[in-house]
Amino acid sequence: MNKIKFLTSLLLTIGILACSSKPEPNLELFSAEAFAFDVGDMWEVNATVNAKGFAQFDLENNPKVDLYYKVSLITPAADTIKALFDKNIKMIPKEEVAELPLEAQIELDSSFTAGAYTLLFDVSDEISQQNKIIEVKFNLE
């Protein structure tokens, strides 16, 4: 009889712990968009990527979001210009955040010719130590 009570208690405890644990962060990047605007003697490039699945609590279980991202440019000639833009988003949300837009605005001078370009968003979740990269293509015309 004691074995049955012990096994029942053990299974119940395991079930409660499994149900109450938070899901592990799984950083995802999606809906990447970029647009280039000719503003006379230069181009203005606006880009957005959405992030979800990032950690929202620090090691002491306090609410916190800490995302760092940098944006690099790949030219039509396959040259890479690293970290043209970077930003750190640190916030203490009052409630859980489903997703965040990561935005970049880059100015390219007249030395950048028409063609197909690629932006690389390199995003790091500083709390969970996850890193993801997503490409977004755009054209200078």
N, C-alpha and C. Protein backbone atom coordinates (compact mmCIF):
# COMPACT_ATOMS: atom_id res chain seq x y z
N MET A 1 0.81 -1.19 0.00
CA MET A 1 0.00 0.00 0.00
C MET A 1 0.87 1.27 0.00
N ASN A 2 1.97 1.23 0.77
CA ASN A 2 2.87 2.38 0.81
C ASN A 2 3.52 2.63 -0.54
N LYS A 3 3.81 1.55 -1.28
CA LYS A 3 4.41 1.70 -2.61
C LYS A 3 3.45 2.41 -3.56
N ILE A 4 2.19 2.10 -3.48
CA ILE A 4 1.19 2.73 -4.35
C ILE A 4 1.08 4.22 -4.01
N LYS A 5 1.03 4.55 -2.74
CA LYS A 5 0.97 5.96 -2.32
C LYS A 5 2.22 6.71 -2.78
N PHE A 6 3.38 6.08 -2.62
CA PHE A 6 4.64 6.72 -3.03
C PHE A 6 4.66 6.95 -4.54
N LEU A 7 4.30 5.94 -5.33
CA LEU A 7 4.30 6.07 -6.79
C LEU A 7 3.28 7.11 -7.24
N THR A 8 2.12 7.13 -6.61
CA THR A 8 1.10 8.12 -6.96
C THR A 8 1.62 9.53 -6.65
N SER A 9 2.22 9.71 -5.50
CA SER A 9 2.78 11.01 -5.13
C SER A 9 3.88 11.44 -6.08
N LEU A 10 4.74 10.49 -6.43
CA LEU A 10 5.85 10.78 -7.34
C LEU A 10 5.33 11.20 -8.71
N LEU A 11 4.37 10.46 -9.26
CA LEU A 11 3.80 10.79 -10.57
C LEU A 11 3.07 12.13 -10.53
N LEU A 12 2.37 12.39 -9.47
CA LEU A 12 1.67 13.66 -9.33
C LEU A 12 2.66 14.83 -9.27
N THR A 13 3.73 14.68 -8.51
CA THR A 13 4.76 15.72 -8.42
C THR A 13 5.42 15.96 -9.78
N ILE A 14 5.76 14.91 -10.48
CA ILE A 14 6.37 15.05 -11.82
C ILE A 14 5.40 15.75 -12.76
N GLY A 15 4.13 15.39 -12.71
CA GLY A 15 3.13 16.02 -13.57
C GLY A 15 2.98 17.50 -13.29
N ILE A 16 2.96 17.88 -12.03
CA ILE A 16 2.83 19.29 -11.66
C ILE A 16 4.06 20.08 -12.11
N LEU A 17 5.24 19.54 -11.89
CA LEU A 17 6.47 20.23 -12.30
C LEU A 17 6.53 20.36 -13.82
N ALA A 18 6.11 19.36 -14.54
CA ALA A 18 6.15 19.41 -16.00
C ALA A 18 5.17 20.45 -16.53
N CYS A 19 4.03 20.58 -15.92
CA CYS A 19 3.03 21.54 -16.38
C CYS A 19 3.38 22.97 -16.01
N SER A 20 4.09 23.16 -14.93
CA SER A 20 4.36 24.52 -14.47
C SER A 20 5.64 25.12 -15.07
N SER A 21 6.42 24.33 -15.74
CA SER A 21 7.67 24.87 -16.29
C SER A 21 7.39 25.71 -17.53
N LYS A 22 8.17 26.77 -17.69
CA LYS A 22 8.02 27.66 -18.84
C LYS A 22 8.66 27.01 -20.06
N PRO A 23 8.12 27.26 -21.24
CA PRO A 23 8.75 26.70 -22.43
C PRO A 23 10.12 27.34 -22.66
N GLU A 24 11.03 26.58 -23.18
CA GLU A 24 12.36 27.09 -23.48
C GLU A 24 12.28 28.10 -24.63
N PRO A 25 13.05 29.18 -24.57
CA PRO A 25 13.05 30.14 -25.67
C PRO A 25 13.55 29.47 -26.96
N ASN A 26 12.95 29.85 -28.06
CA ASN A 26 13.35 29.36 -29.37
C ASN A 26 13.25 30.54 -30.34
N LEU A 27 14.32 31.30 -30.45
CA LEU A 27 14.34 32.51 -31.26
C LEU A 27 13.99 32.21 -32.71
N GLU A 28 13.02 32.97 -33.24
CA GLU A 28 12.63 32.86 -34.64
C GLU A 28 12.59 34.24 -35.26
N LEU A 29 13.04 34.34 -36.51
CA LEU A 29 12.98 35.57 -37.28
C LEU A 29 12.09 35.33 -38.48
N PHE A 30 11.22 36.30 -38.80
CA PHE A 30 10.28 36.10 -39.90
C PHE A 30 9.81 37.43 -40.45
N SER A 31 9.10 37.37 -41.57
CA SER A 31 8.51 38.54 -42.24
C SER A 31 9.53 39.63 -42.51
N ALA A 32 10.63 39.25 -43.14
CA ALA A 32 11.68 40.22 -43.47
C ALA A 32 11.26 41.03 -44.70
N GLU A 33 11.41 42.35 -44.59
CA GLU A 33 11.08 43.25 -45.71
C GLU A 33 12.12 44.35 -45.79
N ALA A 34 12.40 44.78 -47.01
CA ALA A 34 13.31 45.92 -47.21
C ALA A 34 12.87 46.70 -48.44
N PHE A 35 13.00 48.02 -48.36
CA PHE A 35 12.64 48.91 -49.45
C PHE A 35 13.70 49.98 -49.58
N ALA A 36 14.04 50.32 -50.82
CA ALA A 36 15.03 51.37 -51.07
C ALA A 36 14.33 52.54 -51.75
N PHE A 37 14.66 53.75 -51.29
CA PHE A 37 14.09 54.97 -51.85
C PHE A 37 15.22 55.85 -52.35
N ASP A 38 15.08 56.32 -53.58
CA ASP A 38 16.05 57.25 -54.16
C ASP A 38 15.72 58.64 -53.63
N VAL A 39 16.65 59.23 -52.87
CA VAL A 39 16.44 60.57 -52.31
C VAL A 39 17.46 61.55 -52.87
N GLY A 40 17.60 61.50 -54.17
CA GLY A 40 18.51 62.44 -54.84
C GLY A 40 19.90 61.86 -54.99
N ASP A 41 20.84 62.31 -54.16
CA ASP A 41 22.23 61.87 -54.29
C ASP A 41 22.56 60.65 -53.44
N MET A 42 21.53 60.00 -52.87
CA MET A 42 21.76 58.78 -52.10
C MET A 42 20.48 57.94 -52.06
N TRP A 43 20.63 56.75 -51.49
CA TRP A 43 19.51 55.83 -51.30
C TRP A 43 19.23 55.70 -49.80
N GLU A 44 17.97 55.64 -49.47
CA GLU A 44 17.58 55.34 -48.10
C GLU A 44 16.94 53.95 -48.11
N VAL A 45 17.49 53.05 -47.30
CA VAL A 45 16.99 51.68 -47.22
C VAL A 45 16.35 51.50 -45.86
N ASN A 46 15.08 51.08 -45.87
CA ASN A 46 14.35 50.77 -44.64
C ASN A 46 14.07 49.28 -44.63
N ALA A 47 14.39 48.63 -43.53
CA ALA A 47 14.19 47.18 -43.43
C ALA A 47 13.60 46.83 -42.07
N THR A 48 12.79 45.78 -42.07
CA THR A 48 12.16 45.29 -40.85
C THR A 48 12.17 43.77 -40.84
N VAL A 49 12.45 43.21 -39.69
CA VAL A 49 12.37 41.77 -39.44
C VAL A 49 11.64 41.62 -38.12
N ASN A 50 10.77 40.63 -38.02
CA ASN A 50 10.08 40.37 -36.77
C ASN A 50 10.76 39.22 -36.03
N ALA A 51 10.81 39.34 -34.71
CA ALA A 51 11.42 38.30 -33.87
C ALA A 51 10.39 37.82 -32.86
N LYS A 52 10.43 36.51 -32.60
CA LYS A 52 9.61 35.93 -31.53
C LYS A 52 10.38 34.76 -30.94
N GLY A 53 9.90 34.27 -29.83
CA GLY A 53 10.54 33.13 -29.19
C GLY A 53 11.80 33.48 -28.42
N PHE A 54 12.00 34.74 -28.11
CA PHE A 54 13.17 35.17 -27.35
C PHE A 54 12.88 35.07 -25.85
N ALA A 55 13.92 34.99 -25.06
CA ALA A 55 13.77 34.91 -23.61
C ALA A 55 13.17 36.22 -23.09
N GLN A 56 12.31 36.10 -22.09
CA GLN A 56 11.67 37.28 -21.52
C GLN A 56 11.86 37.39 -20.02
N PHE A 57 12.78 36.60 -19.48
CA PHE A 57 13.11 36.66 -18.07
C PHE A 57 14.61 36.45 -17.93
N ASP A 58 15.25 37.21 -17.04
CA ASP A 58 16.68 37.03 -16.82
C ASP A 58 16.92 35.83 -15.90
N LEU A 59 18.16 35.61 -15.52
CA LEU A 59 18.50 34.44 -14.71
C LEU A 59 17.85 34.45 -13.33
N GLU A 60 17.50 35.64 -12.84
CA GLU A 60 16.82 35.74 -11.54
C GLU A 60 15.31 35.71 -11.70
N ASN A 61 14.83 35.39 -12.89
CA ASN A 61 13.41 35.27 -13.22
C ASN A 61 12.67 36.61 -13.18
N ASN A 62 13.39 37.71 -13.42
CA ASN A 62 12.78 39.04 -13.52
C ASN A 62 12.43 39.29 -14.98
N PRO A 63 11.32 39.99 -15.26
CA PRO A 63 10.95 40.27 -16.64
C PRO A 63 12.03 41.12 -17.32
N LYS A 64 12.47 40.68 -18.49
CA LYS A 64 13.49 41.42 -19.23
C LYS A 64 13.61 40.87 -20.64
N VAL A 65 13.79 41.77 -21.60
CA VAL A 65 14.09 41.40 -22.99
C VAL A 65 15.40 42.08 -23.33
N ASP A 66 16.32 41.34 -23.94
CA ASP A 66 17.62 41.89 -24.32
C ASP A 66 18.03 41.29 -25.67
N LEU A 67 17.69 42.01 -26.74
CA LEU A 67 18.04 41.58 -28.10
C LEU A 67 19.05 42.54 -28.69
N TYR A 68 20.06 41.99 -29.33
CA TYR A 68 21.05 42.80 -30.03
C TYR A 68 21.05 42.34 -31.48
N TYR A 69 21.05 43.30 -32.40
CA TYR A 69 21.13 42.91 -33.81
C TYR A 69 22.02 43.86 -34.58
N LYS A 70 22.64 43.28 -35.61
CA LYS A 70 23.45 44.08 -36.53
C LYS A 70 23.04 43.68 -37.94
N VAL A 71 23.17 44.64 -38.84
CA VAL A 71 22.75 44.44 -40.22
C VAL A 71 23.95 44.66 -41.13
N SER A 72 24.21 43.66 -41.97
CA SER A 72 25.29 43.74 -42.95
C SER A 72 24.68 43.77 -44.35
N LEU A 73 25.44 44.26 -45.31
CA LEU A 73 24.97 44.41 -46.69
C LEU A 73 25.83 43.58 -47.62
N ILE A 74 25.18 42.82 -48.50
CA ILE A 74 25.88 42.09 -49.56
C ILE A 74 25.52 42.77 -50.87
N THR A 75 26.53 43.22 -51.60
CA THR A 75 26.33 43.95 -52.86
C THR A 75 26.12 42.96 -54.02
N PRO A 76 25.70 43.48 -55.19
CA PRO A 76 25.57 42.60 -56.36
C PRO A 76 26.89 41.93 -56.75
N ALA A 77 28.02 42.53 -56.40
CA ALA A 77 29.34 41.96 -56.70
C ALA A 77 29.78 40.96 -55.62
N ALA A 78 28.88 40.63 -54.70
CA ALA A 78 29.12 39.68 -53.60
C ALA A 78 30.11 40.21 -52.56
N ASP A 79 30.32 41.52 -52.51
CA ASP A 79 31.11 42.12 -51.44
C ASP A 79 30.21 42.28 -50.22
N THR A 80 30.77 42.08 -49.03
CA THR A 80 30.00 42.23 -47.81
C THR A 80 30.51 43.42 -47.01
N ILE A 81 29.59 44.29 -46.66
CA ILE A 81 29.90 45.41 -45.78
C ILE A 81 29.27 45.06 -44.44
N LYS A 82 30.12 44.76 -43.47
CA LYS A 82 29.64 44.25 -42.19
C LYS A 82 29.16 45.35 -41.25
N ALA A 83 28.13 45.02 -40.54
CA ALA A 83 27.59 45.85 -39.44
C ALA A 83 27.40 47.32 -39.84
N LEU A 84 26.64 47.53 -40.91
CA LEU A 84 26.28 48.90 -41.30
C LEU A 84 25.36 49.55 -40.27
N PHE A 85 24.64 48.72 -39.58
CA PHE A 85 23.67 49.19 -38.60
C PHE A 85 23.67 48.21 -37.44
N ASP A 86 23.56 48.71 -36.21
CA ASP A 86 23.40 47.81 -35.07
C ASP A 86 22.57 48.50 -34.00
N LYS A 87 21.90 47.67 -33.22
CA LYS A 87 21.02 48.22 -32.18
C LYS A 87 20.84 47.17 -31.10
N ASN A 88 20.68 47.65 -29.87
CA ASN A 88 20.41 46.78 -28.74
C ASN A 88 19.05 47.19 -28.18
N ILE A 89 18.13 46.23 -28.11
CA ILE A 89 16.81 46.49 -27.52
C ILE A 89 16.79 45.86 -26.14
N LYS A 90 16.75 46.73 -25.13
CA LYS A 90 16.64 46.28 -23.74
C LYS A 90 15.36 46.87 -23.20
N MET A 91 14.53 46.01 -22.65
CA MET A 91 13.29 46.50 -22.09
C MET A 91 12.84 45.60 -20.94
N ILE A 92 12.03 46.18 -20.08
CA ILE A 92 11.41 45.44 -18.98
C ILE A 92 9.91 45.49 -19.24
N PRO A 93 9.40 44.45 -19.89
CA PRO A 93 7.97 44.47 -20.25
C PRO A 93 7.07 44.25 -19.03
N LYS A 94 5.91 44.90 -19.06
CA LYS A 94 4.93 44.72 -17.99
C LYS A 94 4.17 43.41 -18.17
N GLU A 95 4.10 42.95 -19.42
CA GLU A 95 3.49 41.67 -19.72
C GLU A 95 4.27 41.01 -20.85
N GLU A 96 4.04 39.73 -21.05
CA GLU A 96 4.81 38.99 -22.03
C GLU A 96 4.61 39.57 -23.43
N VAL A 97 5.69 39.64 -24.21
CA VAL A 97 5.69 40.20 -25.55
C VAL A 97 5.68 39.06 -26.55
N ALA A 98 4.69 39.03 -27.44
CA ALA A 98 4.59 37.94 -28.42
C ALA A 98 5.67 38.05 -29.49
N GLU A 99 5.89 39.25 -29.99
CA GLU A 99 6.92 39.47 -31.01
C GLU A 99 7.35 40.92 -31.01
N LEU A 100 8.52 41.16 -31.58
CA LEU A 100 9.07 42.52 -31.68
C LEU A 100 9.54 42.78 -33.10
N PRO A 101 9.24 43.96 -33.65
CA PRO A 101 9.82 44.33 -34.93
C PRO A 101 11.23 44.88 -34.71
N LEU A 102 12.16 44.43 -35.54
CA LEU A 102 13.53 44.92 -35.51
C LEU A 102 13.72 45.74 -36.78
N GLU A 103 13.96 47.02 -36.62
CA GLU A 103 14.00 47.93 -37.76
C GLU A 103 15.40 48.48 -37.96
N ALA A 104 15.71 48.71 -39.24
CA ALA A 104 17.00 49.33 -39.59
C ALA A 104 16.76 50.34 -40.69
N GLN A 105 17.46 51.47 -40.61
CA GLN A 105 17.43 52.47 -41.65
C GLN A 105 18.88 52.76 -42.02
N ILE A 106 19.19 52.56 -43.30
CA ILE A 106 20.56 52.69 -43.78
C ILE A 106 20.59 53.64 -44.96
N GLU A 107 21.58 54.51 -44.98
CA GLU A 107 21.77 55.41 -46.12
C GLU A 107 22.95 54.91 -46.95
N LEU A 108 22.73 54.80 -48.26
CA LEU A 108 23.78 54.38 -49.18
C LEU A 108 24.06 55.54 -50.13
N ASP A 109 25.33 55.88 -50.28
CA ASP A 109 25.67 57.02 -51.14
C ASP A 109 25.58 56.63 -52.61
N SER A 110 25.89 57.58 -53.49
CA SER A 110 25.73 57.37 -54.93
C SER A 110 26.74 56.38 -55.52
N SER A 111 27.71 55.93 -54.74
CA SER A 111 28.65 54.92 -55.25
C SER A 111 27.99 53.54 -55.36
N PHE A 112 26.85 53.35 -54.72
CA PHE A 112 26.12 52.08 -54.82
C PHE A 112 25.26 52.13 -56.09
N THR A 113 25.55 51.21 -56.98
CA THR A 113 24.87 51.20 -58.28
C THR A 113 23.62 50.34 -58.24
N ALA A 114 22.83 50.42 -59.31
CA ALA A 114 21.61 49.63 -59.42
C ALA A 114 21.95 48.15 -59.37
N GLY A 115 21.03 47.37 -58.80
CA GLY A 115 21.24 45.93 -58.73
C GLY A 115 20.52 45.32 -57.55
N ALA A 116 20.71 44.00 -57.41
CA ALA A 116 20.08 43.23 -56.34
C ALA A 116 21.01 43.15 -55.14
N TYR A 117 20.54 43.60 -54.00
CA TYR A 117 21.30 43.62 -52.76
C TYR A 117 20.64 42.71 -51.72
N THR A 118 21.40 42.34 -50.73
CA THR A 118 20.88 41.52 -49.63
C THR A 118 21.32 42.12 -48.31
N LEU A 119 20.39 42.22 -47.38
CA LEU A 119 20.71 42.61 -46.01
C LEU A 119 20.69 41.35 -45.16
N LEU A 120 21.66 41.23 -44.27
CA LEU A 120 21.71 40.13 -43.31
C LEU A 120 21.42 40.69 -41.93
N PHE A 121 20.32 40.27 -41.33
CA PHE A 121 20.01 40.61 -39.95
C PHE A 121 20.59 39.50 -39.08
N ASP A 122 21.56 39.83 -38.26
CA ASP A 122 22.19 38.89 -37.33
C ASP A 122 21.70 39.26 -35.93
N VAL A 123 20.80 38.43 -35.39
CA VAL A 123 20.09 38.75 -34.15
C VAL A 123 20.54 37.82 -33.03
N SER A 124 20.85 38.41 -31.88
CA SER A 124 21.25 37.64 -30.70
C SER A 124 20.30 37.93 -29.55
N ASP A 125 19.82 36.85 -28.93
CA ASP A 125 19.06 36.96 -27.69
C ASP A 125 20.11 36.85 -26.59
N GLU A 126 20.41 37.96 -25.96
CA GLU A 126 21.50 38.02 -24.99
C GLU A 126 21.20 37.22 -23.72
N ILE A 127 19.93 36.97 -23.43
CA ILE A 127 19.58 36.22 -22.21
C ILE A 127 19.73 34.73 -22.44
N SER A 128 19.14 34.22 -23.53
CA SER A 128 19.19 32.77 -23.78
C SER A 128 20.42 32.36 -24.59
N GLN A 129 21.21 33.33 -25.02
CA GLN A 129 22.43 33.07 -25.80
C GLN A 129 22.12 32.37 -27.13
N GLN A 130 20.98 32.71 -27.73
CA GLN A 130 20.64 32.19 -29.04
C GLN A 130 20.99 33.23 -30.09
N ASN A 131 21.28 32.76 -31.29
CA ASN A 131 21.64 33.64 -32.40
C ASN A 131 21.00 33.10 -33.67
N LYS A 132 20.38 34.00 -34.46
CA LYS A 132 19.79 33.62 -35.74
C LYS A 132 20.13 34.69 -36.76
N ILE A 133 20.18 34.27 -38.02
CA ILE A 133 20.44 35.19 -39.13
C ILE A 133 19.34 35.00 -40.17
N ILE A 134 18.86 36.11 -40.71
CA ILE A 134 17.87 36.05 -41.78
C ILE A 134 18.28 37.04 -42.87
N GLU A 135 18.02 36.66 -44.11
CA GLU A 135 18.33 37.52 -45.26
C GLU A 135 17.07 38.24 -45.72
N VAL A 136 17.26 39.44 -46.22
CA VAL A 136 16.18 40.16 -46.88
C VAL A 136 16.77 40.83 -48.12
N LYS A 137 16.13 40.61 -49.25
CA LYS A 137 16.64 41.12 -50.53
C LYS A 137 15.87 42.39 -50.92
N PHE A 138 16.57 43.27 -51.63
CA PHE A 138 15.96 44.47 -52.18
C PHE A 138 16.75 44.89 -53.41
N ASN A 139 16.17 45.77 -54.18
CA ASN A 139 16.82 46.26 -55.40
C ASN A 139 17.01 47.76 -55.36
N LEU A 140 18.12 48.20 -55.91
CA LEU A 140 18.32 49.62 -56.20
C LEU A 140 18.03 49.75 -57.70
N GLU A 141 17.07 50.58 -58.03
CA GLU A 141 16.69 50.73 -59.44
C GLU A 141 16.69 52.18 -59.85
